[in-house]
Amino acid sequence: MPKIISNTVQAHIACFPKGSDRPLFLLLKRAENETIYPNVWQAVTGWIEPGETALETALRELNEETGLVPEKIMDSALYHIVFRRKKRRNSSVSRFRISC
């Protein structure tokens, strides 16, 4: 059985404009020269560095990619499992909901 490794995070960012009860969601467009999924719109994502927690990674990636400071962070308890055939392992993606 392949082992499961949690090595990436996604941070889903929602903002509630004043006077509105409908959120706006932030998506970032990947560069056209990316080897994986070029030009695709996605949430803030990143690799977990050694010794770093998934939450620390989400906060670091949010700052690196957007410069935003979160007001509220929630663990969405939603995980996506990806099977990496060449490495014979499953990778889980930790997801967080962030309000800025």
N, C-alpha and C. Protein backbone atom coordinates (compact mmCIF):
# COMPACT_ATOMS: atom_id res chain seq x y z
N MET A 1 0.84 -1.18 0.00
CA MET A 1 0.00 0.00 0.00
C MET A 1 0.89 1.24 0.00
N PRO A 2 0.59 2.23 -0.87
CA PRO A 2 1.39 3.45 -0.88
C PRO A 2 1.19 4.25 0.39
N LYS A 3 2.24 4.93 0.84
CA LYS A 3 2.09 5.77 2.03
C LYS A 3 1.48 7.11 1.65
N ILE A 4 0.86 7.77 2.63
CA ILE A 4 0.24 9.07 2.40
C ILE A 4 1.14 10.15 2.98
N ILE A 5 1.46 11.13 2.17
CA ILE A 5 2.32 12.23 2.57
C ILE A 5 1.55 13.53 2.38
N SER A 6 1.47 14.36 3.41
CA SER A 6 0.85 15.68 3.28
C SER A 6 1.96 16.66 2.95
N ASN A 7 1.98 17.12 1.69
CA ASN A 7 3.08 17.98 1.28
C ASN A 7 2.66 19.28 0.60
N THR A 8 1.37 19.50 0.47
CA THR A 8 0.92 20.75 -0.13
C THR A 8 -0.29 21.31 0.63
N VAL A 9 -0.51 22.60 0.45
CA VAL A 9 -1.69 23.25 1.05
C VAL A 9 -2.39 24.10 0.00
N GLN A 10 -3.66 24.37 0.25
CA GLN A 10 -4.42 25.34 -0.52
C GLN A 10 -5.05 26.29 0.48
N ALA A 11 -5.02 27.57 0.17
CA ALA A 11 -5.67 28.58 1.01
C ALA A 11 -6.74 29.26 0.17
N HIS A 12 -8.00 29.03 0.53
CA HIS A 12 -9.12 29.63 -0.18
C HIS A 12 -9.47 30.95 0.51
N ILE A 13 -9.40 32.05 -0.21
CA ILE A 13 -9.51 33.38 0.38
C ILE A 13 -10.82 34.03 -0.04
N ALA A 14 -11.60 34.46 0.96
CA ALA A 14 -12.86 35.13 0.71
C ALA A 14 -12.85 36.49 1.39
N CYS A 15 -13.38 37.49 0.71
CA CYS A 15 -13.53 38.82 1.29
C CYS A 15 -15.00 39.20 1.19
N PHE A 16 -15.49 39.83 2.25
CA PHE A 16 -16.87 40.29 2.27
C PHE A 16 -16.86 41.82 2.19
N PRO A 17 -17.16 42.39 1.02
CA PRO A 17 -17.17 43.84 0.89
C PRO A 17 -18.22 44.46 1.83
N LYS A 18 -17.94 45.67 2.30
CA LYS A 18 -18.89 46.36 3.18
C LYS A 18 -20.23 46.51 2.49
N GLY A 19 -21.29 46.22 3.25
CA GLY A 19 -22.63 46.35 2.73
C GLY A 19 -23.10 45.19 1.88
N SER A 20 -22.29 44.15 1.77
CA SER A 20 -22.67 42.99 0.97
C SER A 20 -22.59 41.73 1.82
N ASP A 21 -23.52 40.83 1.58
CA ASP A 21 -23.47 39.54 2.28
C ASP A 21 -22.93 38.44 1.36
N ARG A 22 -22.44 38.85 0.18
CA ARG A 22 -21.90 37.89 -0.79
C ARG A 22 -20.38 38.01 -0.82
N PRO A 23 -19.68 36.90 -0.65
CA PRO A 23 -18.22 36.96 -0.64
C PRO A 23 -17.63 37.07 -2.04
N LEU A 24 -16.44 37.65 -2.11
CA LEU A 24 -15.62 37.63 -3.31
C LEU A 24 -14.47 36.68 -3.03
N PHE A 25 -14.12 35.86 -4.01
CA PHE A 25 -13.06 34.88 -3.82
C PHE A 25 -11.85 35.26 -4.65
N LEU A 26 -10.67 35.10 -4.08
CA LEU A 26 -9.43 35.42 -4.76
C LEU A 26 -8.88 34.18 -5.45
N LEU A 27 -8.61 34.31 -6.74
CA LEU A 27 -7.94 33.27 -7.50
C LEU A 27 -6.71 33.88 -8.14
N LEU A 28 -5.65 33.10 -8.25
CA LEU A 28 -4.41 33.55 -8.88
C LEU A 28 -4.20 32.76 -10.17
N LYS A 29 -3.70 33.43 -11.19
CA LYS A 29 -3.46 32.75 -12.47
C LYS A 29 -2.01 32.29 -12.54
N ARG A 30 -1.84 30.99 -12.84
CA ARG A 30 -0.50 30.45 -12.99
C ARG A 30 0.16 31.03 -14.24
N ALA A 31 1.47 31.13 -14.21
CA ALA A 31 2.23 31.67 -15.34
C ALA A 31 2.08 30.78 -16.57
N GLU A 32 2.19 31.39 -17.74
CA GLU A 32 2.05 30.61 -18.98
C GLU A 32 3.21 29.65 -19.22
N ASN A 33 4.34 29.88 -18.55
CA ASN A 33 5.51 29.01 -18.76
C ASN A 33 5.61 27.90 -17.70
N GLU A 34 4.59 27.75 -16.85
CA GLU A 34 4.59 26.67 -15.87
C GLU A 34 4.50 25.33 -16.60
N THR A 35 5.24 24.33 -16.12
CA THR A 35 5.19 23.02 -16.77
C THR A 35 3.91 22.26 -16.42
N ILE A 36 3.35 22.54 -15.23
CA ILE A 36 2.11 21.88 -14.82
C ILE A 36 1.00 22.92 -14.77
N TYR A 37 -0.06 22.69 -15.50
CA TYR A 37 -1.24 23.56 -15.52
C TYR A 37 -0.94 25.03 -15.82
N PRO A 38 -0.27 25.33 -16.93
CA PRO A 38 -0.02 26.74 -17.25
C PRO A 38 -1.33 27.49 -17.49
N ASN A 39 -1.36 28.77 -17.12
CA ASN A 39 -2.51 29.66 -17.33
C ASN A 39 -3.79 29.24 -16.59
N VAL A 40 -3.69 28.37 -15.61
CA VAL A 40 -4.87 27.93 -14.87
C VAL A 40 -5.08 28.84 -13.66
N TRP A 41 -6.35 29.17 -13.39
CA TRP A 41 -6.71 29.96 -12.21
C TRP A 41 -6.84 29.01 -11.03
N GLN A 42 -6.28 29.40 -9.88
CA GLN A 42 -6.31 28.52 -8.72
C GLN A 42 -6.25 29.31 -7.43
N ALA A 43 -6.52 28.61 -6.33
CA ALA A 43 -6.36 29.20 -5.00
C ALA A 43 -4.87 29.33 -4.70
N VAL A 44 -4.54 30.04 -3.63
CA VAL A 44 -3.15 30.12 -3.17
C VAL A 44 -2.70 28.71 -2.78
N THR A 45 -1.58 28.28 -3.30
CA THR A 45 -1.09 26.93 -3.01
C THR A 45 0.41 26.97 -2.72
N GLY A 46 0.90 25.90 -2.11
CA GLY A 46 2.33 25.82 -1.86
C GLY A 46 2.75 24.51 -1.25
N TRP A 47 4.03 24.25 -1.31
CA TRP A 47 4.63 23.05 -0.75
C TRP A 47 4.99 23.28 0.72
N ILE A 48 4.74 22.29 1.53
CA ILE A 48 5.12 22.35 2.94
C ILE A 48 6.62 22.12 3.05
N GLU A 49 7.31 23.06 3.69
CA GLU A 49 8.75 22.93 3.87
C GLU A 49 9.05 22.08 5.10
N PRO A 50 10.24 21.45 5.15
CA PRO A 50 10.59 20.62 6.30
C PRO A 50 10.45 21.39 7.62
N GLY A 51 9.80 20.76 8.61
CA GLY A 51 9.62 21.37 9.91
C GLY A 51 8.47 22.35 10.00
N GLU A 52 7.74 22.55 8.91
CA GLU A 52 6.66 23.52 8.85
C GLU A 52 5.32 22.78 8.93
N THR A 53 4.35 23.37 9.63
CA THR A 53 3.01 22.79 9.67
C THR A 53 2.23 23.25 8.44
N ALA A 54 1.11 22.58 8.17
CA ALA A 54 0.27 22.97 7.04
C ALA A 54 -0.24 24.40 7.23
N LEU A 55 -0.63 24.76 8.45
CA LEU A 55 -1.12 26.11 8.72
C LEU A 55 -0.01 27.15 8.50
N GLU A 56 1.20 26.88 8.97
CA GLU A 56 2.32 27.79 8.74
C GLU A 56 2.59 27.97 7.25
N THR A 57 2.46 26.89 6.50
CA THR A 57 2.65 26.97 5.05
C THR A 57 1.58 27.83 4.41
N ALA A 58 0.33 27.65 4.82
CA ALA A 58 -0.76 28.46 4.26
C ALA A 58 -0.53 29.94 4.51
N LEU A 59 -0.11 30.29 5.73
CA LEU A 59 0.15 31.69 6.06
C LEU A 59 1.34 32.24 5.27
N ARG A 60 2.40 31.45 5.15
CA ARG A 60 3.58 31.89 4.40
C ARG A 60 3.24 32.09 2.93
N GLU A 61 2.54 31.12 2.34
CA GLU A 61 2.19 31.23 0.92
C GLU A 61 1.24 32.40 0.67
N LEU A 62 0.30 32.62 1.58
CA LEU A 62 -0.61 33.76 1.45
C LEU A 62 0.19 35.06 1.40
N ASN A 63 1.15 35.19 2.30
CA ASN A 63 1.97 36.40 2.33
C ASN A 63 2.87 36.52 1.10
N GLU A 64 3.52 35.41 0.72
CA GLU A 64 4.43 35.44 -0.43
C GLU A 64 3.69 35.76 -1.74
N GLU A 65 2.52 35.17 -1.92
CA GLU A 65 1.83 35.30 -3.20
C GLU A 65 0.91 36.50 -3.29
N THR A 66 0.45 37.03 -2.14
CA THR A 66 -0.52 38.12 -2.21
C THR A 66 -0.18 39.31 -1.32
N GLY A 67 0.59 39.11 -0.25
CA GLY A 67 0.87 40.17 0.70
C GLY A 67 -0.30 40.42 1.66
N LEU A 68 -1.36 39.61 1.57
CA LEU A 68 -2.53 39.79 2.43
C LEU A 68 -2.27 39.27 3.84
N VAL A 69 -2.94 39.91 4.82
CA VAL A 69 -2.88 39.48 6.22
C VAL A 69 -4.26 38.96 6.58
N PRO A 70 -4.37 37.71 7.02
CA PRO A 70 -5.69 37.15 7.30
C PRO A 70 -6.34 37.71 8.55
N GLU A 71 -7.67 37.84 8.51
CA GLU A 71 -8.45 38.23 9.69
C GLU A 71 -8.93 36.98 10.42
N LYS A 72 -9.24 35.95 9.65
CA LYS A 72 -9.80 34.73 10.23
C LYS A 72 -9.31 33.54 9.40
N ILE A 73 -8.94 32.46 10.08
CA ILE A 73 -8.46 31.25 9.41
C ILE A 73 -9.26 30.08 9.95
N MET A 74 -9.76 29.25 9.04
CA MET A 74 -10.50 28.06 9.43
C MET A 74 -9.94 26.86 8.70
N ASP A 75 -9.69 25.79 9.41
CA ASP A 75 -9.31 24.53 8.77
C ASP A 75 -10.58 23.98 8.16
N SER A 76 -10.60 23.79 6.88
CA SER A 76 -11.84 23.38 6.22
C SER A 76 -12.14 21.91 6.42
N ALA A 77 -11.21 21.16 7.02
CA ALA A 77 -11.40 19.72 7.23
C ALA A 77 -11.71 19.02 5.91
N LEU A 78 -11.22 19.58 4.83
CA LEU A 78 -11.42 19.00 3.51
C LEU A 78 -10.04 18.71 2.94
N TYR A 79 -9.81 17.47 2.59
CA TYR A 79 -8.50 17.07 2.10
C TYR A 79 -8.66 16.38 0.76
N HIS A 80 -7.77 16.65 -0.11
CA HIS A 80 -7.78 16.07 -1.45
C HIS A 80 -6.59 15.11 -1.53
N ILE A 81 -6.84 13.89 -1.95
CA ILE A 81 -5.77 12.90 -2.06
C ILE A 81 -5.41 12.71 -3.53
N VAL A 82 -4.13 12.81 -3.82
CA VAL A 82 -3.63 12.63 -5.18
C VAL A 82 -2.66 11.45 -5.18
N PHE A 83 -2.87 10.49 -6.07
CA PHE A 83 -1.95 9.36 -6.17
C PHE A 83 -0.87 9.71 -7.18
N ARG A 84 0.37 9.67 -6.76
CA ARG A 84 1.52 9.95 -7.63
C ARG A 84 2.10 8.60 -8.07
N ARG A 85 1.75 8.21 -9.30
CA ARG A 85 2.09 6.88 -9.80
C ARG A 85 3.59 6.63 -9.83
N LYS A 86 4.37 7.59 -10.32
CA LYS A 86 5.82 7.37 -10.44
C LYS A 86 6.48 7.17 -9.09
N LYS A 87 6.01 7.89 -8.06
CA LYS A 87 6.61 7.78 -6.74
C LYS A 87 5.89 6.76 -5.86
N ARG A 88 4.79 6.18 -6.37
CA ARG A 88 4.00 5.18 -5.65
C ARG A 88 3.58 5.68 -4.28
N ARG A 89 3.03 6.87 -4.24
CA ARG A 89 2.55 7.40 -2.96
C ARG A 89 1.34 8.30 -3.19
N ASN A 90 0.57 8.46 -2.14
CA ASN A 90 -0.56 9.38 -2.15
C ASN A 90 -0.12 10.66 -1.49
N SER A 91 -0.51 11.79 -2.05
CA SER A 91 -0.22 13.08 -1.44
C SER A 91 -1.55 13.71 -1.04
N SER A 92 -1.62 14.20 0.18
CA SER A 92 -2.83 14.88 0.60
C SER A 92 -2.60 16.38 0.55
N VAL A 93 -3.65 17.11 0.24
CA VAL A 93 -3.61 18.56 0.18
C VAL A 93 -4.46 19.10 1.32
N SER A 94 -3.85 19.80 2.26
CA SER A 94 -4.58 20.43 3.36
C SER A 94 -5.18 21.73 2.85
N ARG A 95 -6.44 21.96 3.17
CA ARG A 95 -7.12 23.16 2.69
C ARG A 95 -7.56 24.02 3.86
N PHE A 96 -7.41 25.33 3.69
CA PHE A 96 -7.81 26.31 4.70
C PHE A 96 -8.70 27.36 4.07
N ARG A 97 -9.68 27.85 4.82
CA ARG A 97 -10.51 28.98 4.40
C ARG A 97 -10.01 30.19 5.15
N ILE A 98 -9.73 31.26 4.42
CA ILE A 98 -9.13 32.46 5.01
C ILE A 98 -9.97 33.67 4.62
N SER A 99 -10.26 34.49 5.60
CA SER A 99 -10.98 35.74 5.38
C SER A 99 -10.00 36.90 5.58
N CYS A 100 -9.93 37.81 4.60
CA CYS A 100 -9.01 38.94 4.69
C CYS A 100 -9.76 40.25 4.66
